[in-house]
Protein backbone atom coordinates (compact mmCIF):
# COMPACT_ATOMS: atom_id res chain seq x y z
CA MET A 1 -2.03 -17.73 -10.69
CA HIS A 2 -0.01 -19.47 -13.38
CA PHE A 3 3.53 -20.81 -13.53
CA ILE A 4 6.29 -20.33 -16.08
CA ASN A 5 9.92 -21.32 -16.46
CA ALA A 6 11.73 -18.05 -17.02
CA LYS A 7 14.87 -17.74 -19.14
CA GLY A 8 16.59 -15.33 -16.76
CA ILE A 9 16.05 -13.66 -13.40
CA LEU A 10 18.57 -10.81 -12.97
CA THR A 11 18.69 -7.49 -14.79
CA ALA A 12 21.52 -4.98 -14.43
CA ASN A 13 20.66 -1.58 -12.96
CA GLY A 14 23.72 0.55 -12.28
CA GLY A 15 25.68 -1.09 -9.47
CA GLN A 16 22.69 -3.23 -8.53
CA CYS A 17 20.96 -6.26 -10.05
CA GLY A 18 17.17 -6.36 -10.15
CA MET A 19 14.98 -9.42 -9.71
CA ASN A 20 11.22 -9.99 -10.00
CA ILE A 21 9.98 -13.43 -8.96
CA TYR A 22 6.34 -12.60 -9.66
CA ARG A 23 4.47 -10.52 -12.26
CA GLY A 24 1.16 -8.97 -11.31
CA CYS A 25 -0.12 -8.39 -7.79
CA SER A 26 -2.98 -9.30 -5.46
CA HIS A 27 -2.79 -6.24 -3.19
CA GLY A 28 -5.33 -4.29 -5.23
CA CYS A 29 -3.88 -0.79 -4.69
CA ILE A 30 -6.01 1.61 -6.73
CA TYR A 31 -3.04 3.67 -7.98
CA CYS A 32 -0.65 0.88 -9.01
CA ASP A 33 1.64 1.98 -11.87
CA SER A 34 2.51 -1.64 -12.69
CA ARG A 35 -0.92 -2.01 -14.29
CA SER A 36 0.14 0.42 -17.04
CA LYS A 37 -0.06 -0.76 -20.64
CA CYS A 38 3.61 0.08 -21.21
CA TYR A 39 4.58 -3.05 -19.23
CA GLN A 40 2.80 -5.22 -21.81
CA PHE A 41 1.05 -7.71 -19.56
CA LYS A 42 -0.33 -10.60 -21.57
CA HIS A 43 -2.48 -11.82 -18.68
CA ASP A 44 -4.84 -10.27 -16.14
CA PHE A 45 -2.91 -8.31 -13.53
CA GLU A 46 -4.44 -10.36 -10.69
CA ASP A 47 -3.52 -13.61 -12.45
CA ILE A 48 -0.06 -13.74 -10.87
CA GLU A 49 2.70 -15.03 -13.12
CA VAL A 50 5.09 -17.12 -11.03
CA LYS A 51 8.65 -17.69 -12.17
CA GLN A 52 8.81 -21.12 -10.58
CA ASN A 53 12.46 -21.66 -11.51
CA ALA A 54 13.58 -18.34 -9.99
CA PRO A 55 15.70 -19.91 -7.20
CA GLU A 56 17.55 -22.16 -9.66
CA LEU A 57 18.17 -19.24 -12.05
CA LEU A 58 19.36 -17.04 -9.20
CA GLY A 59 21.70 -19.71 -7.85
CA ASN A 60 23.27 -20.20 -11.28
CA ALA A 61 23.68 -16.44 -11.76
CA LEU A 62 25.22 -15.72 -8.35
CA ARG A 63 27.47 -18.78 -8.40
CA SER A 64 29.22 -17.46 -11.49
CA LYS A 65 29.22 -13.77 -10.57
CA ARG A 66 32.68 -12.60 -9.55
CA LYS A 67 31.77 -9.27 -7.96
CA LYS A 68 29.34 -9.16 -5.04
CA VAL A 69 26.52 -6.62 -5.55
CA MET A 70 23.18 -5.67 -4.05
CA ILE A 71 20.19 -7.63 -5.38
CA GLY A 72 17.07 -5.47 -5.60
CA THR A 73 13.56 -6.92 -5.63
CA GLY A 74 10.04 -5.55 -5.38
CA ALA A 75 10.24 -2.70 -7.88
CA MET A 76 7.53 -4.12 -10.17
CA SER A 77 5.72 -6.76 -8.11
CA ASP A 78 5.61 -7.16 -4.35
CA PRO A 79 7.71 -10.18 -3.29
CA TYR A 80 5.39 -10.75 -0.31
CA MET A 81 1.96 -10.86 -1.91
CA HIS A 82 -0.51 -13.56 -0.85
CA CYS A 83 0.89 -16.42 -2.94
CA GLU A 84 4.28 -16.12 -1.21
CA GLU A 85 2.62 -17.51 1.92
CA LYS A 86 2.41 -20.88 0.19
CA LEU A 87 5.13 -20.80 -2.47
CA ARG A 88 7.99 -19.27 -0.40
CA LEU A 89 10.00 -18.44 -3.52
CA THR A 90 11.16 -15.14 -2.05
CA ARG A 91 12.52 -16.94 0.99
CA ARG A 92 14.33 -19.49 -1.17
CA CYS A 93 15.91 -16.67 -3.15
CA LEU A 94 16.97 -14.91 0.06
CA GLU A 95 18.60 -18.14 1.22
CA ILE A 96 20.62 -18.20 -2.02
CA ILE A 97 21.58 -14.53 -1.68
CA SER A 98 22.78 -15.24 1.84
CA LYS A 99 24.64 -18.39 0.80
CA TYR A 100 26.71 -16.57 -1.81
CA GLY A 101 27.37 -13.45 0.27
CA PHE A 102 25.39 -10.90 -1.73
CA GLY A 103 23.38 -8.00 -0.36
CA VAL A 104 19.67 -7.34 -0.84
CA ALA A 105 17.40 -4.29 -1.10
CA ILE A 106 13.85 -5.56 -0.79
CA HIS A 107 10.65 -3.51 -1.25
CA THR A 108 7.21 -4.46 0.06
CA LYS A 109 3.97 -3.24 1.62
CA SER A 110 3.36 -6.52 3.45
CA ASP A 111 4.09 -7.65 6.99
CA ARG A 112 4.78 -11.12 5.57
CA ILE A 113 8.38 -9.94 5.33
CA LEU A 114 8.63 -10.56 9.08
CA GLN A 115 8.51 -14.30 8.34
CA ASP A 116 11.97 -13.88 6.81
CA ILE A 117 13.47 -11.45 9.31
CA ASP A 118 15.95 -14.14 10.40
CA LEU A 119 17.34 -14.36 6.87
CA LEU A 120 17.36 -10.59 6.40
CA ASP A 121 19.27 -10.27 9.67
CA GLU A 122 21.78 -12.87 8.50
CA ILE A 123 22.29 -11.12 5.16
CA ASN A 124 22.72 -7.76 6.90
CA LYS A 125 25.37 -9.14 9.24
CA ASN A 126 27.38 -10.79 6.46
CA ALA A 127 26.82 -8.29 3.63
CA LYS A 128 24.02 -5.69 3.64
CA CYS A 129 20.23 -5.70 3.74
CA VAL A 130 17.95 -2.71 3.20
CA VAL A 131 14.20 -3.08 3.73
CA GLN A 132 11.96 -0.65 1.84
CA ILE A 133 8.36 -0.06 2.89
CA THR A 134 5.73 2.04 1.09
CA LEU A 135 3.62 4.35 3.27
CA THR A 136 0.80 6.46 1.84
CA THR A 137 -1.95 7.14 4.37
CA TYR A 138 -2.18 7.03 8.14
CA ASP A 139 -5.97 6.72 8.16
CA ASP A 140 -7.03 3.06 8.50
CA GLU A 141 -10.39 3.56 6.77
CA LEU A 142 -8.75 5.28 3.81
CA CYS A 143 -6.01 2.67 3.69
CA ARG A 144 -8.64 -0.07 3.30
CA ILE A 145 -9.96 1.77 0.24
CA ILE A 146 -6.77 2.65 -1.60
CA GLU A 147 -4.72 -0.42 -0.55
CA PRO A 148 -7.47 -2.96 0.17
CA ASN A 149 -5.63 -6.28 0.36
CA VAL A 150 -2.55 -5.41 2.39
CA CYS A 151 -1.79 -4.52 6.00
CA ASN A 152 -2.35 -0.93 7.08
CA THR A 153 0.25 1.77 7.62
CA LYS A 154 0.47 1.31 11.38
CA ARG A 155 1.34 -2.37 10.90
CA ARG A 156 3.96 -1.45 8.29
CA ILE A 157 5.49 0.95 10.79
CA GLU A 158 5.67 -1.95 13.26
CA VAL A 159 7.61 -3.82 10.56
CA LEU A 160 10.02 -0.88 10.26
CA GLU A 161 10.44 -0.86 14.04
CA GLN A 162 11.22 -4.59 14.17
CA MET A 163 13.82 -4.14 11.43
CA GLU A 164 15.37 -1.26 13.37
CA ASN A 165 15.51 -3.44 16.49
CA ARG A 166 17.61 -5.91 14.47
CA GLY A 167 19.86 -3.18 13.10
CA ILE A 168 18.49 -3.66 9.57
CA PRO A 169 18.39 -0.26 7.80
CA THR A 170 15.08 0.87 6.32
CA ILE A 171 13.95 3.19 3.53
CA VAL A 172 10.38 4.49 3.28
CA TRP A 173 8.67 5.33 0.00
CA LEU A 174 6.27 8.20 0.75
CA SER A 175 4.32 7.65 -2.43
CA PRO A 176 1.90 8.18 -3.97
CA ILE A 177 0.17 11.11 -2.32
CA LEU A 178 -3.19 11.32 -4.07
CA PRO A 179 -4.56 14.81 -4.77
CA PHE A 180 -7.72 15.62 -2.78
CA ILE A 181 -7.49 12.26 -0.95
CA ASN A 182 -4.42 11.92 1.30
CA ASP A 183 -2.53 15.12 0.43
CA ASN A 184 -3.00 16.89 3.74
CA GLU A 185 -0.54 18.07 6.37
CA GLU A 186 -1.99 15.89 9.15
CA ASN A 187 -1.45 12.70 7.14
CA ILE A 188 2.08 13.59 6.07
CA ARG A 189 3.12 14.75 9.52
CA LYS A 190 1.85 11.58 11.24
CA ILE A 191 3.72 9.35 8.81
CA LEU A 192 6.90 11.41 9.16
CA ASP A 193 6.68 11.44 12.96
CA ASP A 194 6.59 7.65 13.03
CA CYS A 195 9.45 7.45 10.51
CA VAL A 196 11.51 9.56 12.90
CA ARG A 197 10.47 7.44 15.88
CA VAL A 198 11.56 4.16 14.28
CA SER A 199 14.80 5.68 12.93
CA VAL A 200 14.38 5.09 9.19
CA LYS A 201 17.55 5.65 7.21
CA GLY A 202 15.91 7.52 4.35
CA ILE A 203 12.59 8.54 2.80
CA ILE A 204 12.04 8.63 -0.96
CA CYS A 205 9.49 11.15 -2.20
CA PHE A 206 9.62 12.40 -5.78
CA GLY A 207 6.87 14.92 -5.06
CA MET A 208 3.47 15.13 -3.42
CA GLY A 209 1.25 13.68 -6.11
CA VAL A 210 0.67 10.65 -8.31
CA THR A 211 1.54 9.56 -11.84
CA LEU A 212 -0.99 7.97 -14.19
CA ARG A 213 -0.38 6.08 -17.43
CA ASP A 214 -2.77 4.37 -19.82
CA GLY A 215 -4.13 1.26 -18.12
CA ASP A 216 -3.32 2.56 -14.66
CA ARG A 217 -5.45 5.68 -15.19
CA GLU A 218 -8.59 3.74 -16.14
CA TYR A 219 -8.33 1.45 -13.10
CA PHE A 220 -7.75 4.43 -10.80
CA TYR A 221 -10.70 6.38 -12.20
CA ASP A 222 -12.99 3.37 -11.81
CA ALA A 223 -11.97 3.24 -8.13
CA LEU A 224 -12.69 6.97 -7.76
CA ASP A 225 -16.17 6.47 -9.18
CA LYS A 226 -16.78 3.64 -6.72
CA HIS A 227 -15.35 5.17 -3.54
CA PHE A 228 -15.18 8.94 -4.13
CA PRO A 229 -18.20 9.98 -6.23
CA GLY A 230 -17.55 13.11 -8.30
CA LEU A 231 -13.79 13.10 -7.74
CA LYS A 232 -12.95 11.70 -11.19
CA MET A 233 -14.37 14.81 -12.84
CA LYS A 234 -12.29 17.00 -10.53
CA TYR A 235 -9.17 15.09 -11.63
CA ILE A 236 -10.07 15.45 -15.30
CA GLU A 237 -10.79 19.17 -14.90
CA ASN A 238 -7.51 19.80 -13.07
CA TYR A 239 -5.13 17.44 -14.88
CA GLY A 240 -6.65 16.20 -18.14
CA ASN A 241 -4.56 13.24 -19.34
CA ALA A 242 -1.33 14.45 -17.73
CA TYR A 243 1.23 11.89 -16.56
CA GLU A 244 2.19 13.85 -13.44
CA LEU A 245 -0.62 14.95 -11.13
CA PRO A 246 0.84 17.12 -8.35
CA SER A 247 -1.16 17.97 -5.26
CA PRO A 248 -2.32 21.61 -5.10
CA ASP A 249 -0.47 21.70 -1.76
CA SER A 250 2.67 20.01 -3.10
CA GLU A 251 5.05 22.88 -2.32
CA LYS A 252 3.88 23.23 1.28
CA LEU A 253 3.95 19.48 1.90
CA MET A 254 7.40 19.06 0.33
CA THR A 255 8.71 21.87 2.56
CA LEU A 256 7.38 19.98 5.59
CA PHE A 257 8.90 16.72 4.32
CA ARG A 258 12.37 18.20 3.75
CA SER A 259 12.32 20.06 7.06
CA VAL A 260 11.49 16.96 9.13
CA CYS A 261 14.13 14.89 7.33
CA LYS A 262 16.86 17.55 7.68
CA ASN A 263 16.11 18.10 11.37
CA ASN A 264 16.32 14.37 12.10
CA GLY A 265 19.27 13.29 9.95
CA ILE A 266 17.13 11.28 7.50
CA MET A 267 18.22 11.00 3.86
CA TYR A 268 15.59 12.60 1.65
CA ARG A 269 17.20 13.19 -1.73
CA PRO A 270 16.27 10.24 -3.98
CA GLU A 271 19.78 10.02 -5.43
CA ASP A 272 21.27 9.66 -1.93
CA CYS A 273 18.77 6.92 -1.01
CA PHE A 274 19.39 5.00 -4.24
CA ARG A 275 23.15 5.30 -3.89
CA TYR A 276 22.93 3.93 -0.36
CA MET A 277 20.80 0.98 -1.47
CA GLN A 278 23.11 0.15 -4.37
CA GLU A 279 26.38 0.29 -2.45
CA LEU A 280 27.70 -2.99 -1.08
CA PRO A 281 30.84 -2.37 0.99
CA ASP A 282 33.82 -4.65 0.54
CA LYS A 283 34.35 -7.12 3.37
CA TYR A 284 37.36 -5.12 4.52
CA GLU A 285 35.26 -1.95 4.80
CA GLN A 286 32.73 -3.72 7.00
CA LEU A 287 35.32 -4.65 9.62
CA SER A 288 35.15 -2.60 12.78
CA ILE A 289 38.29 -0.98 14.21
CA PHE A 290 38.34 -3.70 16.85
CA ASP A 291 38.37 -6.42 14.19
CA MET A 292 41.30 -4.74 12.46
CA LEU A 293 43.20 -4.38 15.73
CA ASN A 294 42.66 -8.06 16.46
CA GLU A 295 43.97 -8.96 13.00
CA ASP A 296 47.12 -6.88 13.66
CA ASN A 297 47.69 -8.86 16.83
């Protein structure tokens, strides 16, 4: 872990602003796209770069921003990796977001987010908060292999349930689904059943498969050699150096995914999920009919 003073913290993305407090990750997921060479890391991926002045930069940016928007975080590096336990920079940034009345769309695999559920609840009541959780495999043994340093899927579903109990909307990322590893109907159905049970707002799935870039591919194949002997050659024979690696059962699994979502009123088109996460209603639009009637009186 090393510390820097960053020059800026927010990047514009449509109607949303993005923020990454950390660069790199300690979760060790074997498929992580953020390892790819295109992101031009100048340090080891596990040597977490910490933007130690992130709260100050965020405060300055939000203080001068006239229009309230959603602040997204977690797209590149998980805001609740192990170092957050000590540094608490994510929490300090959430406090600033709450102070200035902005919304937040936060993405994680970690149950450490529950340490900040009070702040997320506060933001959701005054503006809007959307919690995004990645789910890939229901099997605990497999989860320990492909996502070794983070809580398992069942614990993440408990996180979703606790958010639902607070009225905080949730979005699940059903991704990636690794060919010949977790691309089976039993796995997908169990995850979807629990998503229905805990009333997730939407599920993002761009397809049943995985994407591999230079840097990411090498790390993934090393993990296959270690944990799934012979599987790397099967990948090479089926996909070569392709960027998109769809499951052989992609069509069947996507049909199941869409059917469950449609039958249970869950958003499943990525554009609908992203639009929902980027929209921050005006204060007037958040008033209930009872509030408006009271104002008239």
